[in-house]
Amino acid sequence: MTVHVLHSAMRGRADHGWLQSRHSFSFADFHNPQQMGYRSLRVINEDVVQGGTGFPTHPHRDMEIVTYIVDGALEHKDSTGGHSIINRGEVQRMTAGTGVRHSEFNASKTDPVHLLQIWILPNQRNLAPGYEQKLFAEADKHNRLCPVVTPDGSDGSLKIHQDVSLYASVLDAGAVVEQPLAAGRGAWIQVVGGDLTVNDQAIAAGDGAAIEDAGTLRIAAGQASEFILFDLA
C-alpha cells in the first residue's frame, strides 16, 4: 500500500475578502507541479463565500463539476436554463461539455456558505451540457459510505461521465467504515471536518490522501468527522 498525504497547510490559499479559498491542486494563481491533480481528479477547492457575494457568470467546457455543500446555501444559474438553490447535504453535478456559462452566489445576504468545488476530467470531450442535483440525507451518510456520484447513477447517485465513484460519510467518534479498492484503482480521501485514521495513516480536517494498492480501505474516526472518498480508475 502507498499513501501520499497532502496536508491542509500544503494547499494553495486565496483571500479575496468576499471569498476564502484553499486549493488542494494547482488552480488560478496557485501553481505547484507536484500538485496538478490525481488521476482524473483535477480540482478540489474548499471555498467560504461571504453573504451577498459570489462568482459572476463565467464559462467552462469539457469538465465534470461537482459541488458539495458543507454548510449554508448556494444559488446556481447556468446557460442550460438550470436554476437552483444548493443546500447543506445536497450535491450537484454539472457537465460543462461543449460549453456552459454559470454563476454561483451565496443564497444568503448575511451568512457565509462553505462548499467544496470539485472538477473531474470527463471520459470524452464535447458532451452535451447539463446538470443534476440531489439531497443526500444525513441518515444516509451516518456511519456509512453513501454513494453520491457514480458512472452509472446506481443506488440513487448522480451520474458522472467518468469512471469515478464519490462517497460521502459522516462518522461518529470511534466509528469505522471499510471499502474495497480494486487492483489498479486509486482512492482520494478529503477530510471535511474532524480527524481520521486510514489504514493506520492519520489525517485531519483539510487534509487529503492518495491511496493505492490498499486492497481494503479501513477508515476510523477519532472524533465526529465528515469526509468524501473518491474511487478512481
C-alpha atoms as a PDB file:
ATOM      1  CA  MET A   1       0.000   0.000   0.000  1.00  0.00           C
ATOM      2  CA  THR A   2       1.163   3.518  -0.787  1.00  0.00           C
ATOM      3  CA  VAL A   3      -0.250   6.618   0.883  1.00  0.00           C
ATOM      4  CA  HIS A   4       0.592  10.194  -0.013  1.00  0.00           C
ATOM      5  CA  VAL A   5      -0.829  12.797   2.362  1.00  0.00           C
ATOM      6  CA  LEU A   6      -1.461  16.352   1.213  1.00  0.00           C
ATOM      7  CA  HIS A   7      -1.661  18.231   4.493  1.00  0.00           C
ATOM      8  CA  SER A   8      -4.004  21.191   4.731  1.00  0.00           C
ATOM      9  CA  ALA A   9      -1.108  23.642   5.092  1.00  0.00           C
ATOM     10  CA  MET A  10       0.288  22.475   1.733  1.00  0.00           C
ATOM     11  CA  ARG A  11      -2.783  23.703  -0.124  1.00  0.00           C
ATOM     12  CA  GLY A  12      -2.827  26.937  -2.083  1.00  0.00           C
ATOM     13  CA  ARG A  13      -4.583  29.870  -0.465  1.00  0.00           C
ATOM     14  CA  ALA A  14      -6.595  32.734  -1.952  1.00  0.00           C
ATOM     15  CA  ASP A  15      -8.056  35.596   0.077  1.00  0.00           C
ATOM     16  CA  HIS A  16     -10.339  37.841  -1.955  1.00  0.00           C
ATOM     17  CA  GLY A  17     -12.178  39.279   1.040  1.00  0.00           C
ATOM     18  CA  TRP A  18     -15.565  38.019  -0.115  1.00  0.00           C
ATOM     19  CA  LEU A  19     -14.022  34.595  -0.856  1.00  0.00           C
ATOM     20  CA  GLN A  20     -11.626  32.480   1.171  1.00  0.00           C
ATOM     21  CA  SER A  21     -10.400  29.510  -0.863  1.00  0.00           C
ATOM     22  CA  ARG A  22      -7.979  26.626  -0.315  1.00  0.00           C
ATOM     23  CA  HIS A  23      -6.735  24.704  -3.348  1.00  0.00           C
ATOM     24  CA  SER A  24      -5.672  21.071  -2.985  1.00  0.00           C
ATOM     25  CA  PHE A  25      -4.354  21.147  -6.561  1.00  0.00           C
ATOM     26  CA  SER A  26      -2.922  23.859  -8.817  1.00  0.00           C
ATOM     27  CA  PHE A  27      -5.620  26.417  -9.581  1.00  0.00           C
ATOM     28  CA  ALA A  28      -5.687  30.065 -10.729  1.00  0.00           C
ATOM     29  CA  ASP A  29      -2.622  31.832  -9.260  1.00  0.00           C
ATOM     30  CA  PHE A  30      -1.534  28.772  -7.276  1.00  0.00           C
ATOM     31  CA  HIS A  31       0.762  26.516  -9.265  1.00  0.00           C
ATOM     32  CA  ASN A  32       2.723  23.580  -7.917  1.00  0.00           C
ATOM     33  CA  PRO A  33       3.882  20.990 -10.479  1.00  0.00           C
ATOM     34  CA  GLN A  34       3.699  18.364  -7.721  1.00  0.00           C
ATOM     35  CA  GLN A  35       0.010  19.169  -7.118  1.00  0.00           C
ATOM     36  CA  MET A  36      -1.638  19.009 -10.537  1.00  0.00           C
ATOM     37  CA  GLY A  37      -4.388  16.570  -9.620  1.00  0.00           C
ATOM     38  CA  TYR A  38      -4.785  12.859  -9.005  1.00  0.00           C
ATOM     39  CA  ARG A  39      -5.821  10.578 -11.845  1.00  0.00           C
ATOM     40  CA  SER A  40      -8.973  12.171 -13.351  1.00  0.00           C
ATOM     41  CA  LEU A  41      -9.471  14.359 -10.260  1.00  0.00           C
ATOM     42  CA  ARG A  42      -8.270  17.823 -11.249  1.00  0.00           C
ATOM     43  CA  VAL A  43      -9.588  20.337  -8.668  1.00  0.00           C
ATOM     44  CA  ILE A  44     -10.714  20.301  -5.043  1.00  0.00           C
ATOM     45  CA  ASN A  45     -11.314  23.834  -3.807  1.00  0.00           C
ATOM     46  CA  GLU A  46     -12.636  24.454  -0.314  1.00  0.00           C
ATOM     47  CA  ASP A  47     -14.475  27.779  -0.548  1.00  0.00           C
ATOM     48  CA  VAL A  48     -16.120  30.027   2.007  1.00  0.00           C
ATOM     49  CA  VAL A  49     -18.207  32.717   0.295  1.00  0.00           C
ATOM     50  CA  GLN A  50     -19.470  35.660   2.334  1.00  0.00           C
ATOM     51  CA  GLY A  51     -23.144  36.634   2.396  1.00  0.00           C
ATOM     52  CA  GLY A  52     -24.433  38.658  -0.542  1.00  0.00           C
ATOM     53  CA  THR A  53     -21.464  37.771  -2.781  1.00  0.00           C
ATOM     54  CA  GLY A  54     -20.471  35.099  -5.255  1.00  0.00           C
ATOM     55  CA  PHE A  55     -18.989  34.141  -8.599  1.00  0.00           C
ATOM     56  CA  PRO A  56     -20.432  36.143 -11.520  1.00  0.00           C
ATOM     57  CA  THR A  57     -21.232  34.425 -14.810  1.00  0.00           C
ATOM     58  CA  HIS A  58     -18.196  32.635 -16.252  1.00  0.00           C
ATOM     59  CA  PRO A  59     -17.579  29.835 -18.793  1.00  0.00           C
ATOM     60  CA  HIS A  60     -16.490  26.198 -18.520  1.00  0.00           C
ATOM     61  CA  ARG A  61     -16.088  23.390 -21.029  1.00  0.00           C
ATOM     62  CA  ASP A  62     -15.056  19.727 -21.101  1.00  0.00           C
ATOM     63  CA  MET A  63     -15.203  19.292 -17.331  1.00  0.00           C
ATOM     64  CA  GLU A  64     -17.438  17.472 -14.841  1.00  0.00           C
ATOM     65  CA  ILE A  65     -18.025  19.885 -11.920  1.00  0.00           C
ATOM     66  CA  VAL A  66     -19.335  18.589  -8.594  1.00  0.00           C
ATOM     67  CA  THR A  67     -20.485  20.982  -5.867  1.00  0.00           C
ATOM     68  CA  TYR A  68     -20.705  19.648  -2.304  1.00  0.00           C
ATOM     69  CA  ILE A  69     -22.266  21.992   0.253  1.00  0.00           C
ATOM     70  CA  VAL A  70     -20.777  21.723   3.745  1.00  0.00           C
ATOM     71  CA  ASP A  71     -22.835  24.498   5.339  1.00  0.00           C
ATOM     72  CA  GLY A  72     -25.168  27.197   4.057  1.00  0.00           C
ATOM     73  CA  ALA A  73     -26.749  27.513   0.610  1.00  0.00           C
ATOM     74  CA  LEU A  74     -25.530  28.430  -2.879  1.00  0.00           C
ATOM     75  CA  GLU A  75     -27.661  29.789  -5.721  1.00  0.00           C
ATOM     76  CA  HIS A  76     -26.790  28.340  -9.133  1.00  0.00           C
ATOM     77  CA  LYS A  77     -27.804  29.625 -12.580  1.00  0.00           C
ATOM     78  CA  ASP A  78     -26.492  28.341 -15.897  1.00  0.00           C
ATOM     79  CA  SER A  79     -26.936  28.684 -19.645  1.00  0.00           C
ATOM     80  CA  THR A  80     -28.783  25.343 -19.909  1.00  0.00           C
ATOM     81  CA  GLY A  81     -31.682  27.031 -18.106  1.00  0.00           C
ATOM     82  CA  GLY A  82     -30.734  25.469 -14.800  1.00  0.00           C
ATOM     83  CA  HIS A  83     -31.544  27.484 -11.681  1.00  0.00           C
ATOM     84  CA  SER A  84     -31.469  26.042  -8.179  1.00  0.00           C
ATOM     85  CA  ILE A  85     -30.513  26.569  -4.565  1.00  0.00           C
ATOM     86  CA  ILE A  86     -27.987  24.001  -3.324  1.00  0.00           C
ATOM     87  CA  ASN A  87     -28.315  23.444   0.435  1.00  0.00           C
ATOM     88  CA  ARG A  88     -26.357  21.543   3.058  1.00  0.00           C
ATOM     89  CA  GLY A  89     -26.472  17.860   2.176  1.00  0.00           C
ATOM     90  CA  GLU A  90     -27.161  18.483  -1.497  1.00  0.00           C
ATOM     91  CA  VAL A  91     -24.729  17.582  -4.270  1.00  0.00           C
ATOM     92  CA  GLN A  92     -24.785  18.957  -7.799  1.00  0.00           C
ATOM     93  CA  ARG A  93     -23.093  17.529 -10.897  1.00  0.00           C
ATOM     94  CA  MET A  94     -22.723  19.833 -13.889  1.00  0.00           C
ATOM     95  CA  THR A  95     -21.410  18.648 -17.247  1.00  0.00           C
ATOM     96  CA  ALA A  96     -19.730  21.581 -18.999  1.00  0.00           C
ATOM     97  CA  GLY A  97     -19.157  19.609 -22.221  1.00  0.00           C
ATOM     98  CA  THR A  98     -19.306  21.762 -25.355  1.00  0.00           C
ATOM     99  CA  GLY A  99     -19.572  24.852 -23.176  1.00  0.00           C
ATOM    100  CA  VAL A 100     -21.671  26.272 -20.390  1.00  0.00           C
ATOM    101  CA  ARG A 101     -21.823  29.604 -18.609  1.00  0.00           C
ATOM    102  CA  HIS A 102     -22.931  29.756 -14.994  1.00  0.00           C
ATOM    103  CA  SER A 103     -22.952  31.886 -11.866  1.00  0.00           C
ATOM    104  CA  GLU A 104     -22.832  30.865  -8.210  1.00  0.00           C
ATOM    105  CA  PHE A 105     -23.892  33.241  -5.459  1.00  0.00           C
ATOM    106  CA  ASN A 106     -24.379  32.838  -1.755  1.00  0.00           C
ATOM    107  CA  ALA A 107     -28.133  32.391  -1.310  1.00  0.00           C
ATOM    108  CA  SER A 108     -27.948  34.333   1.974  1.00  0.00           C
ATOM    109  CA  LYS A 109     -27.297  38.066   2.278  1.00  0.00           C
ATOM    110  CA  THR A 110     -25.732  37.631   5.727  1.00  0.00           C
ATOM    111  CA  ASP A 111     -24.435  34.109   6.421  1.00  0.00           C
ATOM    112  CA  PRO A 112     -21.417  32.533   4.707  1.00  0.00           C
ATOM    113  CA  VAL A 113     -21.681  29.391   2.595  1.00  0.00           C
ATOM    114  CA  HIS A 114     -18.997  26.700   2.899  1.00  0.00           C
ATOM    115  CA  LEU A 115     -18.537  24.312  -0.006  1.00  0.00           C
ATOM    116  CA  LEU A 116     -16.221  22.029  -1.899  1.00  0.00           C
ATOM    117  CA  GLN A 117     -15.940  22.618  -5.634  1.00  0.00           C
ATOM    118  CA  ILE A 118     -14.620  19.542  -7.440  1.00  0.00           C
ATOM    119  CA  TRP A 119     -13.520  19.245 -11.068  1.00  0.00           C
ATOM    120  CA  ILE A 120     -13.152  15.852 -12.743  1.00  0.00           C
ATOM    121  CA  LEU A 121     -11.895  15.327 -16.291  1.00  0.00           C
ATOM    122  CA  PRO A 122     -14.624  13.659 -18.388  1.00  0.00           C
ATOM    123  CA  ASN A 123     -14.126  10.421 -20.306  1.00  0.00           C
ATOM    124  CA  GLN A 124     -14.901  12.186 -23.593  1.00  0.00           C
ATOM    125  CA  ARG A 125     -14.922  15.689 -24.993  1.00  0.00           C
ATOM    126  CA  ASN A 126     -17.809  17.705 -26.408  1.00  0.00           C
ATOM    127  CA  LEU A 127     -20.558  16.187 -24.269  1.00  0.00           C
ATOM    128  CA  ALA A 128     -23.936  17.895 -24.178  1.00  0.00           C
ATOM    129  CA  PRO A 129     -24.062  20.352 -21.248  1.00  0.00           C
ATOM    130  CA  GLY A 130     -26.384  19.516 -18.377  1.00  0.00           C
ATOM    131  CA  TYR A 131     -26.736  19.238 -14.630  1.00  0.00           C
ATOM    132  CA  GLU A 132     -28.499  17.303 -11.912  1.00  0.00           C
ATOM    133  CA  GLN A 133     -28.803  17.786  -8.186  1.00  0.00           C
ATOM    134  CA  LYS A 134     -29.952  15.690  -5.249  1.00  0.00           C
ATOM    135  CA  LEU A 135     -30.276  15.819  -1.462  1.00  0.00           C
ATOM    136  CA  PHE A 136     -28.479  13.046   0.417  1.00  0.00           C
ATOM    137  CA  ALA A 137     -29.954  12.896   3.908  1.00  0.00           C
ATOM    138  CA  GLU A 138     -27.706  12.929   6.957  1.00  0.00           C
ATOM    139  CA  ALA A 139     -29.048   9.495   7.887  1.00  0.00           C
ATOM    140  CA  ASP A 140     -27.827   8.105   4.546  1.00  0.00           C
ATOM    141  CA  LYS A 141     -24.263   9.214   5.359  1.00  0.00           C
ATOM    142  CA  HIS A 142     -24.292   8.406   9.079  1.00  0.00           C
ATOM    143  CA  ASN A 143     -21.600   5.831   9.867  1.00  0.00           C
ATOM    144  CA  ARG A 144     -21.654   4.523   6.301  1.00  0.00           C
ATOM    145  CA  LEU A 145     -20.315   5.355   2.859  1.00  0.00           C
ATOM    146  CA  CYS A 146     -23.123   6.896   0.820  1.00  0.00           C
ATOM    147  CA  PRO A 147     -22.607   6.869  -2.980  1.00  0.00           C
ATOM    148  CA  VAL A 148     -23.376  10.375  -4.239  1.00  0.00           C
ATOM    149  CA  VAL A 149     -21.767  10.302  -7.714  1.00  0.00           C
ATOM    150  CA  THR A 150     -21.125   7.167  -9.830  1.00  0.00           C
ATOM    151  CA  PRO A 151     -20.520   6.323 -13.514  1.00  0.00           C
ATOM    152  CA  ASP A 152     -23.932   4.646 -13.859  1.00  0.00           C
ATOM    153  CA  GLY A 153     -26.061   6.614 -11.410  1.00  0.00           C
ATOM    154  CA  SER A 154     -26.627   3.497  -9.305  1.00  0.00           C
ATOM    155  CA  ASP A 155     -28.126   3.397  -5.792  1.00  0.00           C
ATOM    156  CA  GLY A 156     -29.756   6.795  -6.234  1.00  0.00           C
ATOM    157  CA  SER A 157     -26.486   8.601  -7.009  1.00  0.00           C
ATOM    158  CA  LEU A 158     -25.833  11.302  -9.587  1.00  0.00           C
ATOM    159  CA  LYS A 159     -24.323  10.090 -12.869  1.00  0.00           C
ATOM    160  CA  ILE A 160     -20.903  11.350 -13.940  1.00  0.00           C
ATOM    161  CA  HIS A 161     -19.137  10.918 -17.271  1.00  0.00           C
ATOM    162  CA  GLN A 162     -16.012   9.275 -15.866  1.00  0.00           C
ATOM    163  CA  ASP A 163     -15.042   6.031 -14.136  1.00  0.00           C
ATOM    164  CA  VAL A 164     -15.148   7.635 -10.697  1.00  0.00           C
ATOM    165  CA  SER A 165     -17.335   6.896  -7.691  1.00  0.00           C
ATOM    166  CA  LEU A 166     -17.673   9.529  -4.981  1.00  0.00           C
ATOM    167  CA  TYR A 167     -18.907   8.641  -1.492  1.00  0.00           C
ATOM    168  CA  ALA A 168     -19.832  10.939   1.399  1.00  0.00           C
ATOM    169  CA  SER A 169     -19.746   9.931   5.057  1.00  0.00           C
ATOM    170  CA  VAL A 170     -20.353  11.430   8.487  1.00  0.00           C
ATOM    171  CA  LEU A 171     -18.864   9.296  11.257  1.00  0.00           C
ATOM    172  CA  ASP A 172     -19.373   9.328  14.996  1.00  0.00           C
ATOM    173  CA  ALA A 173     -16.248   9.248  17.162  1.00  0.00           C
ATOM    174  CA  GLY A 174     -14.899   5.711  17.115  1.00  0.00           C
ATOM    175  CA  ALA A 175     -16.964   4.614  14.105  1.00  0.00           C
ATOM    176  CA  VAL A 176     -15.300   2.595  11.327  1.00  0.00           C
ATOM    177  CA  VAL A 177     -16.229   2.056   7.675  1.00  0.00           C
ATOM    178  CA  GLU A 178     -14.489  -0.147   5.132  1.00  0.00           C
ATOM    179  CA  GLN A 179     -14.352  -0.042   1.336  1.00  0.00           C
ATOM    180  CA  PRO A 180     -12.623  -2.461  -1.046  1.00  0.00           C
ATOM    181  CA  LEU A 181     -10.241  -0.898  -3.562  1.00  0.00           C
ATOM    182  CA  ALA A 182      -9.887  -2.978  -6.721  1.00  0.00           C
ATOM    183  CA  ALA A 183      -6.469  -3.674  -8.212  1.00  0.00           C
ATOM    184  CA  GLY A 184      -5.214  -0.804 -10.357  1.00  0.00           C
ATOM    185  CA  ARG A 185      -7.594   1.754  -8.866  1.00  0.00           C
ATOM    186  CA  GLY A 186      -6.711   4.637  -6.601  1.00  0.00           C
ATOM    187  CA  ALA A 187      -8.545   6.405  -3.785  1.00  0.00           C
ATOM    188  CA  TRP A 188      -8.502  10.017  -2.681  1.00  0.00           C
ATOM    189  CA  ILE A 189      -9.922  10.913   0.732  1.00  0.00           C
ATOM    190  CA  GLN A 190     -10.677  14.560   1.552  1.00  0.00           C
ATOM    191  CA  VAL A 191     -11.356  15.327   5.210  1.00  0.00           C
ATOM    192  CA  VAL A 192     -14.091  17.955   5.562  1.00  0.00           C
ATOM    193  CA  GLY A 193     -14.040  18.017   9.375  1.00  0.00           C
ATOM    194  CA  GLY A 194     -12.686  16.034  12.324  1.00  0.00           C
ATOM    195  CA  ASP A 195      -9.853  13.533  12.043  1.00  0.00           C
ATOM    196  CA  LEU A 196      -9.476  10.057  10.597  1.00  0.00           C
ATOM    197  CA  THR A 197      -7.149   7.117  10.530  1.00  0.00           C
ATOM    198  CA  VAL A 198      -6.997   5.452   7.115  1.00  0.00           C
ATOM    199  CA  ASN A 199      -5.204   2.093   7.218  1.00  0.00           C
ATOM    200  CA  ASP A 200      -3.153   3.429  10.162  1.00  0.00           C
ATOM    201  CA  GLN A 201      -2.394   6.777   8.463  1.00  0.00           C
ATOM    202  CA  ALA A 202      -3.695   9.763  10.455  1.00  0.00           C
ATOM    203  CA  ILE A 203      -5.266  12.660   8.533  1.00  0.00           C
ATOM    204  CA  ALA A 204      -7.141  15.709   9.803  1.00  0.00           C
ATOM    205  CA  ALA A 205      -9.522  18.430   8.606  1.00  0.00           C
ATOM    206  CA  GLY A 206      -8.398  19.932   5.292  1.00  0.00           C
ATOM    207  CA  ASP A 207      -6.012  17.067   4.568  1.00  0.00           C
ATOM    208  CA  GLY A 208      -6.272  14.870   1.511  1.00  0.00           C
ATOM    209  CA  ALA A 209      -4.681  11.491   0.919  1.00  0.00           C
ATOM    210  CA  ALA A 210      -3.999   9.478  -2.233  1.00  0.00           C
ATOM    211  CA  ILE A 211      -4.020   5.726  -1.560  1.00  0.00           C
ATOM    212  CA  GLU A 212      -3.073   2.873  -3.866  1.00  0.00           C
ATOM    213  CA  ASP A 213      -2.635  -0.898  -3.546  1.00  0.00           C
ATOM    214  CA  ALA A 214      -4.641  -0.957  -0.322  1.00  0.00           C
ATOM    215  CA  GLY A 215      -6.951  -3.891  -1.038  1.00  0.00           C
ATOM    216  CA  THR A 216      -9.405  -2.624   1.559  1.00  0.00           C
ATOM    217  CA  LEU A 217      -9.661   0.883   2.967  1.00  0.00           C
ATOM    218  CA  ARG A 218     -10.359   0.956   6.700  1.00  0.00           C
ATOM    219  CA  ILE A 219     -11.439   4.433   7.786  1.00  0.00           C
ATOM    220  CA  ALA A 220     -11.818   5.160  11.510  1.00  0.00           C
ATOM    221  CA  ALA A 221     -12.919   8.448  13.106  1.00  0.00           C
ATOM    222  CA  GLY A 222     -11.025   9.770  16.120  1.00  0.00           C
ATOM    223  CA  GLN A 223     -13.808  12.307  16.713  1.00  0.00           C
ATOM    224  CA  ALA A 224     -17.050  13.185  14.937  1.00  0.00           C
ATOM    225  CA  SER A 225     -15.859  13.575  11.332  1.00  0.00           C
ATOM    226  CA  GLU A 226     -17.043  14.215   7.784  1.00  0.00           C
ATOM    227  CA  PHE A 227     -15.183  13.191   4.639  1.00  0.00           C
ATOM    228  CA  ILE A 228     -15.575  12.367   0.974  1.00  0.00           C
ATOM    229  CA  LEU A 229     -13.965   9.397  -0.747  1.00  0.00           C
ATOM    230  CA  PHE A 230     -13.139   9.101  -4.451  1.00  0.00           C
ATOM    231  CA  ASP A 231     -12.607   5.662  -6.048  1.00  0.00           C
ATOM    232  CA  LEU A 232     -10.831   6.390  -9.354  1.00  0.00           C
ATOM    233  CA  ALA A 233      -9.795   4.378 -12.397  1.00  0.00           C
END
